[in-house]
Amino acid sequence: MNEKDASPPSEQENLTEKISRLQREVKILKRQLSNVEKVPSGGVGVALLIPGIIALVFSILKESQILAFIGLSLTFWGALFFFIRPIRYVKASLLDSTATSTYLTIDRIMRDMKFEGKSYYIPPYPKDVYLPEHLKGLKEMTVFVSANTHSRIPSIEELAEGRFLLKNPNGVCLSPPGLGILEQIEARLGTDISKIDLETLTQTLPTILTSNLHLAKEVEMEVEENSIYVKIMDPVYRNLYWGEETPRSLYSIGCPLVSAIACAIAKAMGKITTIQDYSILPDDQTLEVRYSFVEA
């Protein structure tokens, strides 16, 4: 009877000891997992490549097939990890906050100078076209914001000077907010957009913006007479439009995504492009933009 009474406490002590040991092992595994997650893929690649190369060398010296298979496997996975780099994501709210300051600055400029005109995306000359030194400024994508709706387009000589403030016609020349996105688009295309036609652009650009750059959920482009209609669903810069304070210049030159599309259209067509119509549908967070062409 006494032996029966003594056994349960012993079993409980063993069980308690096992639970404590398992908890310690869980903590150790968590630390190891945390350390593994912090190791960059390049470090893992090197850690696999070195023993893989050593195994291949010894397989040749020892004429061992087993070492050869082990060495090839380690080398393959090491090379794979070495060339793979983790993708870093940025929160959309951070993109909005960094872009807002730019538009507020443009708002201040337009307000102080009492500009009420439109914006014109002026395409640059192709990169492989030779230009004299005094015309190098023509290879830069520019958006001209006019002082009034009746202003003419700046001449080639005026654009080539690369000036910010123009007096005849009255307006300012800015670097487009979507210029960085345009460079990413051209990198995905593998060519200068000025070398592709409009049909190719309308077929490939929506896929790049949605599937590659993840700047919108869906993008539709439709070529109309002397204009292009673009529908952007759930854009990454949506908070710029539906935030508490919407910059006025946003409707003139467009958000970085709308601006990048304007740049792409202007370069592909070789024509001055402007944002003709702007519609915002807050229910499904959709932008409808119509771009039109202007004769210089």
Protein backbone atom coordinates (compact mmCIF):
# COMPACT_ATOMS: atom_id res chain seq x y z
CA MET A 1 0.00 0.00 0.00
CA ASN A 2 2.81 2.32 0.85
CA GLU A 3 4.53 1.48 -2.43
CA LYS A 4 1.38 2.38 -4.36
CA ASP A 5 1.13 5.68 -2.52
CA ALA A 6 4.78 6.43 -3.24
CA SER A 7 4.61 5.85 -7.01
CA PRO A 8 2.33 8.70 -8.08
CA PRO A 9 4.59 11.43 -6.66
CA SER A 10 7.52 9.86 -8.50
CA GLU A 11 5.60 9.87 -11.79
CA GLN A 12 4.54 13.47 -11.25
CA GLU A 13 8.15 14.47 -10.63
CA ASN A 14 9.24 12.74 -13.83
CA LEU A 15 6.44 14.41 -15.78
CA THR A 16 7.31 17.82 -14.35
CA GLU A 17 10.95 17.27 -15.22
CA LYS A 18 10.04 16.27 -18.80
CA ILE A 19 7.84 19.37 -19.21
CA SER A 20 10.64 21.60 -17.93
CA ARG A 21 13.11 19.97 -20.32
CA LEU A 22 10.75 20.38 -23.27
CA GLN A 23 10.22 24.06 -22.41
CA ARG A 24 13.98 24.59 -22.36
CA GLU A 25 14.32 22.86 -25.72
CA VAL A 26 11.55 25.03 -27.18
CA LYS A 27 13.38 28.17 -26.02
CA ILE A 28 16.63 26.90 -27.54
CA LEU A 29 14.89 26.12 -30.84
CA LYS A 30 13.31 29.58 -30.91
CA ARG A 31 16.71 31.19 -30.45
CA GLN A 32 18.20 29.02 -33.17
CA LEU A 33 15.34 29.85 -35.54
CA SER A 34 15.76 33.55 -34.81
CA ASN A 35 19.46 33.34 -35.56
CA VAL A 36 18.80 31.46 -38.80
CA GLU A 37 16.31 34.11 -39.95
CA LYS A 38 18.89 36.83 -39.35
CA VAL A 39 21.55 35.09 -41.44
CA PRO A 40 21.58 36.63 -44.95
CA SER A 41 21.18 34.34 -47.92
CA GLY A 42 24.71 35.19 -49.08
CA GLY A 43 26.14 33.91 -45.79
CA VAL A 44 24.22 30.67 -46.10
CA GLY A 45 25.46 30.30 -49.66
CA VAL A 46 29.09 30.68 -48.65
CA ALA A 47 28.58 28.22 -45.76
CA LEU A 48 27.36 25.61 -48.25
CA LEU A 49 29.78 26.40 -51.07
CA ILE A 50 32.97 25.94 -49.05
CA PRO A 51 32.28 22.37 -47.82
CA GLY A 52 30.83 21.53 -51.23
CA ILE A 53 34.02 22.55 -53.03
CA ILE A 54 36.14 20.71 -50.44
CA ALA A 55 34.03 17.58 -50.91
CA LEU A 56 34.48 17.80 -54.70
CA VAL A 57 38.25 18.13 -54.34
CA PHE A 58 38.46 15.12 -52.02
CA SER A 59 36.17 13.12 -54.33
CA ILE A 60 38.70 13.61 -57.12
CA LEU A 61 41.64 12.73 -54.91
CA LYS A 62 39.93 9.71 -53.32
CA GLU A 63 37.98 8.77 -56.46
CA SER A 64 34.83 8.62 -54.32
CA GLN A 65 31.42 8.89 -55.98
CA ILE A 66 29.70 9.49 -52.66
CA LEU A 67 31.84 12.55 -51.96
CA ALA A 68 31.22 13.73 -55.52
CA PHE A 69 27.44 13.59 -55.07
CA ILE A 70 27.68 15.32 -51.70
CA GLY A 71 29.96 18.01 -53.14
CA LEU A 72 27.71 18.63 -56.14
CA SER A 73 24.64 18.91 -53.93
CA LEU A 74 26.27 21.34 -51.49
CA THR A 75 27.72 23.40 -54.33
CA PHE A 76 24.37 23.61 -56.11
CA TRP A 77 22.46 24.75 -53.03
CA GLY A 78 25.29 27.09 -52.03
CA ALA A 79 25.23 28.79 -55.42
CA LEU A 80 21.44 29.02 -55.25
CA PHE A 81 21.47 30.69 -51.83
CA PHE A 82 24.37 32.93 -52.83
CA PHE A 83 22.54 34.46 -55.78
CA ILE A 84 19.12 34.65 -54.13
CA ARG A 85 18.53 37.87 -52.24
CA PRO A 86 15.55 38.53 -49.97
CA ILE A 87 12.96 40.99 -51.29
CA ARG A 88 12.37 44.00 -49.10
CA TYR A 89 8.91 45.49 -48.93
CA VAL A 90 7.96 49.03 -47.97
CA LYS A 91 4.65 49.92 -46.38
CA ALA A 92 2.31 51.90 -48.64
CA SER A 93 1.76 54.44 -45.86
CA LEU A 94 5.51 55.18 -45.89
CA LEU A 95 5.41 55.77 -49.65
CA ASP A 96 2.52 58.18 -49.20
CA SER A 97 4.24 60.13 -46.44
CA THR A 98 7.47 60.52 -48.42
CA ALA A 99 5.60 61.65 -51.55
CA THR A 100 3.33 64.12 -49.74
CA SER A 101 6.15 66.53 -48.92
CA THR A 102 7.07 66.80 -52.61
CA TYR A 103 3.51 67.68 -53.63
CA LEU A 104 3.10 70.16 -50.80
CA THR A 105 6.27 71.91 -52.00
CA ILE A 106 4.90 72.07 -55.55
CA ASP A 107 1.62 73.39 -54.13
CA ARG A 108 3.51 76.19 -52.39
CA ILE A 109 5.34 77.12 -55.60
CA MET A 110 2.14 77.17 -57.66
CA ARG A 111 0.30 79.15 -54.99
CA ASP A 112 3.02 81.77 -54.58
CA MET A 113 3.37 82.23 -58.33
CA LYS A 114 -0.39 82.07 -58.86
CA PHE A 115 -0.13 79.34 -61.47
CA GLU A 116 -3.48 78.07 -62.74
CA GLY A 117 -2.35 76.21 -65.83
CA LYS A 118 -1.91 72.58 -66.81
CA SER A 119 1.01 70.18 -66.78
CA TYR A 120 2.65 68.96 -69.96
CA TYR A 121 4.89 65.89 -70.06
CA ILE A 122 7.58 66.60 -72.63
CA PRO A 123 9.33 63.49 -73.99
CA PRO A 124 13.14 63.44 -74.11
CA TYR A 125 15.29 62.58 -77.06
CA PRO A 126 16.31 58.90 -77.25
CA LYS A 127 19.44 58.05 -75.28
CA ASP A 128 21.35 56.78 -78.33
CA VAL A 129 20.77 59.97 -80.37
CA TYR A 130 23.77 62.29 -80.49
CA LEU A 131 23.14 65.83 -79.32
CA PRO A 132 25.56 68.75 -79.02
CA GLU A 133 26.68 69.72 -75.56
CA HIS A 134 24.35 72.74 -75.37
CA LEU A 135 21.34 70.49 -76.10
CA LYS A 136 22.09 67.77 -73.51
CA GLY A 137 19.13 68.95 -71.43
CA LEU A 138 16.75 67.57 -74.08
CA LYS A 139 17.57 64.01 -72.97
CA GLU A 140 15.85 64.57 -69.63
CA MET A 141 12.15 63.84 -69.11
CA THR A 142 10.43 67.08 -68.09
CA VAL A 143 6.98 68.13 -66.94
CA PHE A 144 6.16 71.77 -67.69
CA VAL A 145 3.58 73.41 -65.42
CA SER A 146 2.19 76.49 -67.16
CA ALA A 147 1.07 79.69 -65.46
CA ASN A 148 -2.28 79.68 -67.28
CA THR A 149 -4.27 77.48 -69.61
CA HIS A 150 -3.33 79.57 -72.66
CA SER A 151 0.44 79.27 -72.28
CA ARG A 152 2.39 77.83 -75.18
CA ILE A 153 4.85 74.94 -74.93
CA PRO A 154 8.49 75.93 -74.31
CA SER A 155 10.79 75.84 -77.31
CA ILE A 156 13.66 73.36 -77.72
CA GLU A 157 16.20 76.03 -76.85
CA GLU A 158 14.37 76.87 -73.61
CA LEU A 159 14.13 73.22 -72.58
CA ALA A 160 17.77 72.58 -73.44
CA GLU A 161 18.89 75.20 -70.90
CA GLY A 162 17.52 73.02 -68.10
CA ARG A 163 16.11 76.01 -66.23
CA PHE A 164 13.54 75.71 -63.46
CA LEU A 165 11.62 78.96 -63.94
CA LEU A 166 10.64 80.08 -67.42
CA LYS A 167 9.31 83.55 -68.24
CA ASN A 168 8.32 83.14 -71.88
CA PRO A 169 6.19 81.07 -71.67
CA ASN A 170 5.60 81.62 -67.99
CA GLY A 171 5.85 78.40 -66.00
CA VAL A 172 8.16 75.96 -64.25
CA CYS A 173 9.97 72.84 -65.44
CA LEU A 174 10.00 69.96 -62.96
CA SER A 175 11.34 66.44 -62.87
CA PRO A 176 8.29 64.14 -63.07
CA PRO A 177 7.36 62.45 -59.76
CA GLY A 178 7.10 59.13 -61.62
CA LEU A 179 10.57 59.30 -63.15
CA GLY A 180 11.95 56.66 -60.79
CA ILE A 181 9.09 54.28 -61.60
CA LEU A 182 9.66 54.90 -65.31
CA GLU A 183 13.26 53.73 -64.93
CA GLN A 184 12.04 50.55 -63.21
CA ILE A 185 9.57 49.97 -66.07
CA GLU A 186 12.33 50.31 -68.65
CA ALA A 187 14.52 47.94 -66.63
CA ARG A 188 11.74 45.31 -66.75
CA LEU A 189 11.26 45.89 -70.49
CA GLY A 190 14.99 45.71 -71.12
CA THR A 191 14.85 48.65 -73.54
CA ASP A 192 14.18 52.34 -73.85
CA ILE A 193 10.42 52.96 -74.05
CA SER A 194 11.01 55.33 -76.96
CA LYS A 195 11.91 52.25 -79.04
CA ILE A 196 8.58 50.46 -78.62
CA ASP A 197 5.23 51.28 -80.22
CA LEU A 198 2.02 52.26 -78.46
CA GLU A 199 0.36 48.86 -78.98
CA THR A 200 3.26 47.05 -77.29
CA LEU A 201 3.19 49.58 -74.45
CA THR A 202 -0.52 49.12 -73.75
CA GLN A 203 -0.06 45.33 -73.69
CA THR A 204 3.03 45.16 -71.47
CA LEU A 205 2.73 48.18 -69.15
CA PRO A 206 -0.30 46.94 -67.13
CA THR A 207 1.45 43.63 -66.44
CA ILE A 208 4.64 45.34 -65.29
CA LEU A 209 2.79 47.74 -62.98
CA THR A 210 0.67 45.00 -61.39
CA SER A 211 2.61 41.72 -61.50
CA ASN A 212 6.21 42.98 -61.38
CA LEU A 213 6.16 46.27 -59.50
CA HIS A 214 2.94 45.61 -57.53
CA LEU A 215 1.89 49.27 -57.76
CA ALA A 216 -1.80 48.47 -58.35
CA LYS A 217 -4.19 45.57 -58.19
CA GLU A 218 -5.23 45.97 -61.81
CA VAL A 219 -4.49 48.40 -64.65
CA GLU A 220 -6.45 48.75 -67.89
CA MET A 221 -5.35 50.82 -70.88
CA GLU A 222 -7.49 51.68 -73.89
CA VAL A 223 -6.33 53.71 -76.89
CA GLU A 224 -8.88 56.28 -78.06
CA GLU A 225 -8.79 58.99 -80.69
CA ASN A 226 -5.92 61.33 -79.76
CA SER A 227 -6.08 60.10 -76.16
CA ILE A 228 -5.49 57.09 -73.92
CA TYR A 229 -7.86 56.00 -71.17
CA VAL A 230 -6.31 54.30 -68.12
CA LYS A 231 -8.17 52.66 -65.25
CA ILE A 232 -6.15 51.95 -62.11
CA MET A 233 -7.73 49.78 -59.43
CA ASP A 234 -6.44 49.89 -55.85
CA PRO A 235 -3.25 51.90 -56.53
CA VAL A 236 -0.49 51.83 -53.94
CA TYR A 237 -0.65 55.65 -53.68
CA ARG A 238 -4.39 55.66 -52.96
CA ASN A 239 -3.99 57.37 -49.58
CA LEU A 240 -2.70 60.48 -51.33
CA TYR A 241 -6.18 60.90 -52.84
CA TRP A 242 -8.31 59.66 -49.97
CA GLY A 243 -6.26 61.14 -47.14
CA GLU A 244 -7.21 64.01 -44.89
CA GLU A 245 -5.31 66.57 -46.98
CA THR A 246 -5.05 66.12 -50.75
CA PRO A 247 -2.36 68.26 -52.41
CA ARG A 248 -3.72 70.42 -55.20
CA SER A 249 -0.81 69.63 -57.53
CA LEU A 250 -1.78 65.95 -57.36
CA TYR A 251 -4.56 66.59 -59.87
CA SER A 252 -2.25 68.54 -62.14
CA ILE A 253 0.80 66.28 -62.45
CA GLY A 254 -0.65 63.07 -60.96
CA CYS A 255 0.63 60.75 -58.25
CA PRO A 256 3.94 58.94 -58.95
CA LEU A 257 2.07 56.07 -60.63
CA VAL A 258 -0.10 58.34 -62.82
CA SER A 259 3.00 60.41 -63.57
CA ALA A 260 5.01 57.32 -64.58
CA ILE A 261 2.27 56.27 -67.02
CA ALA A 262 2.27 59.78 -68.51
CA CYS A 263 6.05 59.58 -68.93
CA ALA A 264 5.80 56.17 -70.60
CA ILE A 265 3.09 57.33 -73.02
CA ALA A 266 5.00 60.50 -73.90
CA LYS A 267 8.22 58.57 -74.59
CA ALA A 268 6.54 55.82 -76.60
CA MET A 269 4.52 58.28 -78.72
CA GLY A 270 7.19 60.96 -78.90
CA LYS A 271 4.45 63.49 -78.21
CA ILE A 272 3.75 66.00 -75.47
CA THR A 273 1.22 64.42 -73.12
CA THR A 274 -1.11 66.02 -70.61
CA ILE A 275 -3.62 64.74 -68.06
CA GLN A 276 -6.98 65.65 -69.64
CA ASP A 277 -9.51 64.12 -67.24
CA TYR A 278 -9.18 62.84 -63.69
CA SER A 279 -11.86 60.77 -61.94
CA ILE A 280 -11.65 59.31 -58.44
CA LEU A 281 -14.06 56.60 -57.31
CA PRO A 282 -13.74 56.31 -53.52
CA ASP A 283 -16.06 53.31 -53.18
CA ASP A 284 -13.76 50.83 -54.89
CA GLN A 285 -10.64 53.02 -54.73
CA THR A 286 -10.25 53.36 -58.47
CA LEU A 287 -8.61 56.07 -60.55
CA GLU A 288 -9.74 56.86 -64.07
CA VAL A 289 -7.29 58.99 -66.03
CA ARG A 290 -7.43 60.17 -69.62
CA TYR A 291 -4.19 61.30 -71.23
CA SER A 292 -4.29 63.46 -74.37
CA PHE A 293 -1.62 64.63 -76.81
CA VAL A 294 -0.66 68.21 -77.52
CA GLU A 295 0.93 69.55 -80.68
CA ALA A 296 4.11 71.50 -79.95
